Amino acid sequence: MGEKIKTVEAIFKNGVFVPTKSVNLPEGTEVIVVFSEVSSFEEKPSWWDEVSGDENWKRALNRLVERIKEIVIPEELKLIDREGEQEVIVILEGDETVFLRTLMEAGYHVYQTTGIFFPIQVISRRRLKRWQEFDREISRLIQDGISLL
């Protein structure tokens, strides 16, 4: 038999999932509930309306940003568009290799939990300055990118 999957928005209230809109289901129908940790009532980050993407993509990006900030205090955290693909740039003061693995694991965790992949590039402030001195395109992309902090 072909199963038809439908989405129903609900609020968890008094220990029960309550649909926010009327649902036409026979009484006693079994369902599987999948929920988002981000409440629609939470304050959205300042960059939310600047980035393109649907709500799920933005929530996944926000989850990644929060995980990055739990690991390091980046000097800058930018979202750039390179050849039609969006990429997260983490700029650190010191040696970028110290946190590289941990930050990549954070990105992989977001991918595992959301199915959304974000390319991440971790660079030092020193490397960025070199790129600027040589007028590399990536330095201009970073400068013009959307700040995620």
N, C-alpha and C. Protein backbone atom coordinates (compact mmCIF):
# COMPACT_ATOMS: atom_id res chain seq x y z
N MET A 1 0.84 -1.19 0.00
CA MET A 1 0.00 0.00 0.00
C MET A 1 0.88 1.24 0.00
N GLY A 2 0.47 2.24 -0.77
CA GLY A 2 1.23 3.48 -0.82
C GLY A 2 0.87 4.39 0.34
N GLU A 3 1.88 4.77 1.10
CA GLU A 3 1.65 5.68 2.21
C GLU A 3 1.77 7.10 1.71
N LYS A 4 0.89 7.95 2.19
CA LYS A 4 0.94 9.36 1.83
C LYS A 4 1.37 10.13 3.07
N ILE A 5 2.49 10.82 2.97
CA ILE A 5 3.02 11.56 4.11
C ILE A 5 2.52 12.99 4.04
N LYS A 6 1.97 13.45 5.15
CA LYS A 6 1.49 14.83 5.25
C LYS A 6 2.16 15.49 6.43
N THR A 7 2.23 16.80 6.40
CA THR A 7 2.83 17.57 7.47
C THR A 7 1.74 18.34 8.20
N VAL A 8 1.81 18.32 9.52
CA VAL A 8 0.85 19.05 10.35
C VAL A 8 1.66 19.85 11.36
N GLU A 9 1.43 21.15 11.42
CA GLU A 9 2.10 21.96 12.44
C GLU A 9 1.32 21.84 13.74
N ALA A 10 2.04 21.73 14.85
CA ALA A 10 1.40 21.56 16.16
C ALA A 10 2.21 22.28 17.23
N ILE A 11 1.59 22.48 18.35
CA ILE A 11 2.23 23.05 19.54
C ILE A 11 2.13 22.01 20.64
N PHE A 12 3.21 21.82 21.37
CA PHE A 12 3.22 20.89 22.50
C PHE A 12 2.70 21.65 23.71
N LYS A 13 1.52 21.24 24.20
CA LYS A 13 0.85 21.97 25.27
C LYS A 13 0.30 20.97 26.28
N ASN A 14 0.67 21.12 27.54
CA ASN A 14 0.19 20.24 28.61
C ASN A 14 0.44 18.76 28.30
N GLY A 15 1.62 18.48 27.70
CA GLY A 15 1.99 17.10 27.43
C GLY A 15 1.34 16.49 26.20
N VAL A 16 0.68 17.31 25.38
CA VAL A 16 -0.04 16.81 24.20
C VAL A 16 0.32 17.67 22.99
N PHE A 17 0.51 17.03 21.82
CA PHE A 17 0.71 17.77 20.59
C PHE A 17 -0.65 18.21 20.07
N VAL A 18 -0.85 19.53 19.98
CA VAL A 18 -2.12 20.10 19.54
C VAL A 18 -1.91 20.75 18.18
N PRO A 19 -2.61 20.27 17.13
CA PRO A 19 -2.46 20.88 15.80
C PRO A 19 -2.85 22.35 15.83
N THR A 20 -2.11 23.18 15.06
CA THR A 20 -2.42 24.61 15.00
C THR A 20 -3.55 24.90 14.01
N LYS A 21 -3.84 23.93 13.13
CA LYS A 21 -4.94 24.05 12.17
C LYS A 21 -5.76 22.78 12.22
N SER A 22 -6.98 22.84 11.74
CA SER A 22 -7.87 21.69 11.72
C SER A 22 -7.26 20.56 10.89
N VAL A 23 -7.36 19.32 11.41
CA VAL A 23 -6.81 18.15 10.73
C VAL A 23 -7.94 17.15 10.51
N ASN A 24 -8.07 16.65 9.29
CA ASN A 24 -9.12 15.71 8.97
C ASN A 24 -8.55 14.28 9.04
N LEU A 25 -8.55 13.71 10.26
CA LEU A 25 -8.06 12.35 10.49
C LEU A 25 -9.10 11.57 11.29
N PRO A 26 -9.26 10.29 10.99
CA PRO A 26 -10.17 9.48 11.82
C PRO A 26 -9.64 9.38 13.25
N GLU A 27 -10.51 9.38 14.21
CA GLU A 27 -10.13 9.26 15.62
C GLU A 27 -9.32 7.98 15.82
N GLY A 28 -8.24 8.08 16.58
CA GLY A 28 -7.41 6.93 16.89
C GLY A 28 -6.32 6.65 15.85
N THR A 29 -6.20 7.51 14.83
CA THR A 29 -5.17 7.33 13.82
C THR A 29 -3.79 7.48 14.46
N GLU A 30 -2.90 6.52 14.19
CA GLU A 30 -1.54 6.62 14.70
C GLU A 30 -0.72 7.50 13.77
N VAL A 31 0.13 8.33 14.36
CA VAL A 31 0.99 9.23 13.60
C VAL A 31 2.40 9.17 14.15
N ILE A 32 3.36 9.64 13.37
CA ILE A 32 4.74 9.81 13.82
C ILE A 32 4.97 11.31 13.92
N VAL A 33 5.50 11.75 15.05
CA VAL A 33 5.74 13.17 15.26
C VAL A 33 7.23 13.45 15.11
N VAL A 34 7.58 14.36 14.23
CA VAL A 34 8.95 14.84 14.06
C VAL A 34 8.91 16.31 14.42
N PHE A 35 9.80 16.76 15.29
CA PHE A 35 9.71 18.15 15.71
C PHE A 35 11.02 18.88 15.54
N SER A 36 10.93 20.18 15.49
CA SER A 36 12.09 21.05 15.36
C SER A 36 12.40 21.62 16.73
N GLU A 37 13.68 21.71 17.06
CA GLU A 37 14.08 22.28 18.34
C GLU A 37 13.92 23.80 18.35
N VAL A 38 13.75 24.40 17.19
CA VAL A 38 13.62 25.85 17.09
C VAL A 38 12.15 26.21 17.12
N SER A 39 11.76 26.95 18.12
CA SER A 39 10.37 27.38 18.22
C SER A 39 10.12 28.54 17.27
N SER A 40 8.95 28.56 16.67
CA SER A 40 8.62 29.68 15.78
C SER A 40 8.49 30.98 16.55
N PHE A 41 8.43 30.90 17.88
CA PHE A 41 8.29 32.10 18.70
C PHE A 41 9.65 32.66 19.14
N GLU A 42 10.74 31.92 18.85
CA GLU A 42 12.05 32.40 19.22
C GLU A 42 12.44 33.57 18.34
N GLU A 43 13.28 34.43 18.89
CA GLU A 43 13.77 35.57 18.13
C GLU A 43 14.71 35.10 17.04
N LYS A 44 14.53 35.59 15.86
CA LYS A 44 15.36 35.20 14.73
C LYS A 44 16.63 36.04 14.74
N PRO A 45 17.76 35.46 14.30
CA PRO A 45 19.01 36.23 14.27
C PRO A 45 18.93 37.39 13.29
N SER A 46 19.81 38.37 13.47
CA SER A 46 19.78 39.58 12.64
C SER A 46 19.97 39.30 11.16
N TRP A 47 20.66 38.23 10.80
CA TRP A 47 20.94 37.92 9.40
C TRP A 47 19.79 37.19 8.71
N TRP A 48 18.78 36.76 9.45
CA TRP A 48 17.72 35.87 8.95
C TRP A 48 17.12 36.33 7.62
N ASP A 49 16.75 37.61 7.55
CA ASP A 49 16.08 38.11 6.34
C ASP A 49 17.06 38.45 5.22
N GLU A 50 18.36 38.49 5.52
CA GLU A 50 19.36 38.80 4.50
C GLU A 50 19.73 37.59 3.65
N VAL A 51 19.59 36.39 4.22
CA VAL A 51 20.01 35.19 3.49
C VAL A 51 18.84 34.61 2.71
N SER A 52 19.17 34.01 1.57
CA SER A 52 18.13 33.36 0.79
C SER A 52 18.07 31.89 1.18
N GLY A 53 16.92 31.33 1.14
CA GLY A 53 16.72 29.94 1.53
C GLY A 53 15.40 29.81 2.26
N ASP A 54 14.88 28.59 2.28
CA ASP A 54 13.60 28.38 2.97
C ASP A 54 13.83 28.33 4.49
N GLU A 55 12.74 28.24 5.23
CA GLU A 55 12.80 28.26 6.70
C GLU A 55 13.66 27.12 7.25
N ASN A 56 13.54 25.92 6.68
CA ASN A 56 14.34 24.79 7.16
C ASN A 56 15.83 25.04 6.95
N TRP A 57 16.18 25.59 5.79
CA TRP A 57 17.58 25.89 5.50
C TRP A 57 18.11 26.93 6.49
N LYS A 58 17.32 27.97 6.74
CA LYS A 58 17.74 29.01 7.68
C LYS A 58 17.87 28.46 9.09
N ARG A 59 16.95 27.59 9.49
CA ARG A 59 17.06 26.97 10.83
C ARG A 59 18.32 26.13 10.93
N ALA A 60 18.64 25.38 9.88
CA ALA A 60 19.85 24.57 9.88
C ALA A 60 21.09 25.46 9.94
N LEU A 61 21.09 26.56 9.20
CA LEU A 61 22.20 27.50 9.25
C LEU A 61 22.33 28.08 10.65
N ASN A 62 21.22 28.43 11.25
CA ASN A 62 21.25 28.98 12.61
C ASN A 62 21.80 27.95 13.60
N ARG A 63 21.42 26.70 13.42
CA ARG A 63 21.93 25.63 14.28
C ARG A 63 23.45 25.53 14.13
N LEU A 64 23.93 25.62 12.89
CA LEU A 64 25.37 25.57 12.65
C LEU A 64 26.08 26.76 13.30
N VAL A 65 25.53 27.95 13.13
CA VAL A 65 26.12 29.15 13.73
C VAL A 65 26.22 29.00 15.25
N GLU A 66 25.15 28.51 15.87
CA GLU A 66 25.15 28.33 17.32
C GLU A 66 26.18 27.29 17.75
N ARG A 67 26.32 26.22 17.01
CA ARG A 67 27.33 25.19 17.33
C ARG A 67 28.74 25.75 17.18
N ILE A 68 28.97 26.54 16.14
CA ILE A 68 30.28 27.15 15.94
C ILE A 68 30.62 28.04 17.13
N LYS A 69 29.64 28.85 17.57
CA LYS A 69 29.89 29.77 18.68
C LYS A 69 30.08 29.03 20.01
N GLU A 70 29.61 27.79 20.11
CA GLU A 70 29.87 26.98 21.30
C GLU A 70 31.31 26.47 21.31
N ILE A 71 31.92 26.35 20.13
CA ILE A 71 33.26 25.80 20.01
C ILE A 71 34.34 26.87 20.06
N VAL A 72 34.14 27.96 19.34
CA VAL A 72 35.13 29.04 19.25
C VAL A 72 34.44 30.39 19.33
N ILE A 73 35.25 31.41 19.52
CA ILE A 73 34.75 32.78 19.40
C ILE A 73 35.36 33.32 18.12
N PRO A 74 34.63 33.21 17.02
CA PRO A 74 35.20 33.64 15.75
C PRO A 74 35.34 35.15 15.68
N GLU A 75 36.39 35.61 15.00
CA GLU A 75 36.52 37.05 14.75
C GLU A 75 35.42 37.49 13.80
N GLU A 76 35.20 36.64 12.81
CA GLU A 76 34.13 36.88 11.85
C GLU A 76 33.54 35.54 11.45
N LEU A 77 32.28 35.57 11.11
CA LEU A 77 31.58 34.39 10.61
C LEU A 77 30.73 34.91 9.45
N LYS A 78 31.07 34.49 8.24
CA LYS A 78 30.42 35.05 7.06
C LYS A 78 29.79 33.96 6.21
N LEU A 79 28.74 34.33 5.54
CA LEU A 79 28.11 33.48 4.53
C LEU A 79 28.41 34.13 3.19
N ILE A 80 29.07 33.36 2.32
CA ILE A 80 29.39 33.90 1.00
C ILE A 80 28.74 33.04 -0.07
N ASP A 81 28.62 33.61 -1.25
CA ASP A 81 28.11 32.87 -2.40
C ASP A 81 29.26 32.77 -3.38
N ARG A 82 29.71 31.53 -3.60
CA ARG A 82 30.80 31.31 -4.54
C ARG A 82 30.31 30.37 -5.63
N GLU A 83 30.23 30.90 -6.83
CA GLU A 83 29.79 30.13 -8.00
C GLU A 83 28.43 29.49 -7.77
N GLY A 84 27.51 30.23 -7.15
CA GLY A 84 26.15 29.75 -6.94
C GLY A 84 25.97 28.86 -5.73
N GLU A 85 27.03 28.59 -4.99
CA GLU A 85 26.92 27.76 -3.79
C GLU A 85 27.29 28.59 -2.56
N GLN A 86 26.46 28.49 -1.54
CA GLN A 86 26.72 29.25 -0.33
C GLN A 86 27.69 28.49 0.56
N GLU A 87 28.59 29.24 1.19
CA GLU A 87 29.67 28.67 1.98
C GLU A 87 29.82 29.48 3.26
N VAL A 88 30.07 28.79 4.36
CA VAL A 88 30.27 29.45 5.66
C VAL A 88 31.78 29.61 5.87
N ILE A 89 32.19 30.84 6.16
CA ILE A 89 33.60 31.15 6.40
C ILE A 89 33.77 31.51 7.87
N VAL A 90 34.64 30.76 8.55
CA VAL A 90 34.94 31.01 9.96
C VAL A 90 36.34 31.62 10.01
N ILE A 91 36.44 32.85 10.51
CA ILE A 91 37.73 33.53 10.58
C ILE A 91 38.16 33.59 12.04
N LEU A 92 39.33 33.04 12.30
CA LEU A 92 39.86 32.95 13.66
C LEU A 92 41.14 33.77 13.79
N GLU A 93 41.42 34.16 15.03
CA GLU A 93 42.67 34.88 15.30
C GLU A 93 43.76 33.86 15.38
N GLY A 94 44.55 33.38 15.23
CA GLY A 94 45.54 32.34 15.46
C GLY A 94 45.45 31.21 14.44
N ASP A 95 45.98 30.11 14.85
CA ASP A 95 46.10 28.95 13.98
C ASP A 95 44.72 28.32 13.71
N GLU A 96 44.34 28.34 12.46
CA GLU A 96 43.02 27.80 12.10
C GLU A 96 42.93 26.29 12.22
N THR A 97 44.08 25.63 12.20
CA THR A 97 44.06 24.16 12.23
C THR A 97 43.68 23.61 13.59
N VAL A 98 43.81 24.41 14.65
CA VAL A 98 43.50 23.95 16.00
C VAL A 98 42.04 23.52 16.12
N PHE A 99 41.13 24.27 15.52
CA PHE A 99 39.70 23.99 15.64
C PHE A 99 39.09 23.40 14.38
N LEU A 100 39.91 23.17 13.36
CA LEU A 100 39.40 22.72 12.07
C LEU A 100 38.56 21.45 12.18
N ARG A 101 39.09 20.43 12.80
CA ARG A 101 38.37 19.16 12.90
C ARG A 101 37.06 19.32 13.67
N THR A 102 37.12 20.02 14.80
CA THR A 102 35.92 20.19 15.63
C THR A 102 34.83 20.96 14.88
N LEU A 103 35.22 21.98 14.14
CA LEU A 103 34.24 22.75 13.38
C LEU A 103 33.66 21.93 12.24
N MET A 104 34.48 21.12 11.59
CA MET A 104 33.98 20.25 10.52
C MET A 104 33.00 19.22 11.09
N GLU A 105 33.31 18.71 12.28
CA GLU A 105 32.40 17.77 12.94
C GLU A 105 31.08 18.44 13.28
N ALA A 106 31.12 19.71 13.66
CA ALA A 106 29.89 20.45 13.95
C ALA A 106 29.04 20.56 12.68
N GLY A 107 29.69 20.85 11.56
CA GLY A 107 28.97 20.92 10.29
C GLY A 107 28.39 19.57 9.90
N TYR A 108 29.13 18.52 10.15
CA TYR A 108 28.64 17.17 9.84
C TYR A 108 27.46 16.81 10.74
N HIS A 109 27.51 17.22 12.00
CA HIS A 109 26.39 16.96 12.92
C HIS A 109 25.12 17.66 12.42
N VAL A 110 25.26 18.88 11.97
CA VAL A 110 24.09 19.60 11.44
C VAL A 110 23.57 18.87 10.21
N TYR A 111 24.46 18.39 9.37
CA TYR A 111 24.04 17.63 8.19
C TYR A 111 23.29 16.35 8.60
N GLN A 112 23.82 15.64 9.60
CA GLN A 112 23.17 14.40 10.04
C GLN A 112 21.77 14.65 10.60
N THR A 113 21.60 15.76 11.30
CA THR A 113 20.31 16.02 11.95
C THR A 113 19.31 16.75 11.06
N THR A 114 19.80 17.44 10.02
CA THR A 114 18.88 18.22 9.18
C THR A 114 18.86 17.76 7.73
N GLY A 115 19.91 17.07 7.29
CA GLY A 115 20.02 16.70 5.89
C GLY A 115 20.50 17.85 5.02
N ILE A 116 20.89 18.95 5.64
CA ILE A 116 21.35 20.13 4.91
C ILE A 116 22.85 20.29 5.12
N PHE A 117 23.59 20.35 4.01
CA PHE A 117 25.05 20.44 4.07
C PHE A 117 25.50 21.87 3.84
N PHE A 118 26.40 22.33 4.68
CA PHE A 118 27.01 23.65 4.52
C PHE A 118 28.51 23.49 4.35
N PRO A 119 29.06 23.86 3.20
CA PRO A 119 30.52 23.88 3.09
C PRO A 119 31.08 24.90 4.08
N ILE A 120 32.12 24.51 4.80
CA ILE A 120 32.72 25.38 5.82
C ILE A 120 34.19 25.56 5.48
N GLN A 121 34.64 26.80 5.55
CA GLN A 121 36.07 27.08 5.38
C GLN A 121 36.54 27.81 6.63
N VAL A 122 37.57 27.29 7.27
CA VAL A 122 38.13 27.89 8.48
C VAL A 122 39.47 28.51 8.10
N ILE A 123 39.60 29.81 8.34
CA ILE A 123 40.85 30.49 7.99
C ILE A 123 41.29 31.41 9.12
N SER A 124 42.56 31.73 9.12
CA SER A 124 43.09 32.65 10.12
C SER A 124 42.97 34.08 9.60
N ARG A 125 43.00 35.02 10.51
CA ARG A 125 42.99 36.44 10.14
C ARG A 125 44.23 36.73 9.28
N ARG A 126 45.35 36.11 9.63
CA ARG A 126 46.60 36.30 8.89
C ARG A 126 46.45 35.85 7.43
N ARG A 127 45.84 34.70 7.21
CA ARG A 127 45.63 34.21 5.85
C ARG A 127 44.71 35.15 5.07
N LEU A 128 43.66 35.64 5.73
CA LEU A 128 42.75 36.57 5.06
C LEU A 128 43.49 37.83 4.64
N LYS A 129 44.36 38.33 5.51
CA LYS A 129 45.14 39.54 5.17
C LYS A 129 46.04 39.29 3.96
N ARG A 130 46.64 38.10 3.90
CA ARG A 130 47.46 37.76 2.72
C ARG A 130 46.62 37.74 1.46
N TRP A 131 45.44 37.15 1.55
CA TRP A 131 44.55 37.12 0.39
C TRP A 131 44.18 38.54 -0.04
N GLN A 132 43.97 39.43 0.95
CA GLN A 132 43.64 40.82 0.63
C GLN A 132 44.83 41.51 -0.05
N GLU A 133 46.05 41.26 0.45
CA GLU A 133 47.25 41.86 -0.14
C GLU A 133 47.42 41.45 -1.60
N PHE A 134 47.08 40.21 -1.92
CA PHE A 134 47.21 39.71 -3.28
C PHE A 134 45.92 39.90 -4.09
N ASP A 135 44.98 40.62 -3.49
CA ASP A 135 43.71 40.94 -4.15
C ASP A 135 43.02 39.69 -4.70
N ARG A 136 42.97 38.65 -3.87
CA ARG A 136 42.32 37.40 -4.27
C ARG A 136 40.81 37.59 -4.23
N GLU A 137 40.11 36.96 -5.16
CA GLU A 137 38.65 37.07 -5.25
C GLU A 137 37.97 36.64 -3.95
N ILE A 138 38.49 35.59 -3.31
CA ILE A 138 37.88 35.08 -2.08
C ILE A 138 37.85 36.16 -1.00
N SER A 139 38.87 37.01 -0.94
CA SER A 139 38.87 38.07 0.08
C SER A 139 37.75 39.07 -0.17
N ARG A 140 37.47 39.36 -1.44
CA ARG A 140 36.35 40.27 -1.75
C ARG A 140 35.01 39.61 -1.41
N LEU A 141 34.89 38.31 -1.71
CA LEU A 141 33.65 37.59 -1.37
C LEU A 141 33.41 37.63 0.14
N ILE A 142 34.47 37.42 0.90
CA ILE A 142 34.33 37.43 2.37
C ILE A 142 33.95 38.83 2.84
N GLN A 143 34.62 39.84 2.31
CA GLN A 143 34.32 41.22 2.71
C GLN A 143 32.86 41.56 2.43
N ASP A 144 32.33 41.13 1.31
CA ASP A 144 30.96 41.44 0.93
C ASP A 144 29.93 40.45 1.46
N GLY A 145 30.41 39.39 2.11
CA GLY A 145 29.51 38.33 2.61
C GLY A 145 28.59 38.82 3.71
N ILE A 146 27.63 38.00 4.04
CA ILE A 146 26.66 38.31 5.09
C ILE A 146 27.22 37.87 6.44
N SER A 147 27.28 38.79 7.38
CA SER A 147 27.78 38.47 8.72
C SER A 147 26.76 37.62 9.46
N LEU A 148 27.23 36.51 10.02
CA LEU A 148 26.36 35.61 10.78
C LEU A 148 26.54 35.80 12.28
N LEU A 149 27.24 36.84 12.68
CA LEU A 149 27.42 37.13 14.12
C LEU A 149 26.52 38.25 14.56
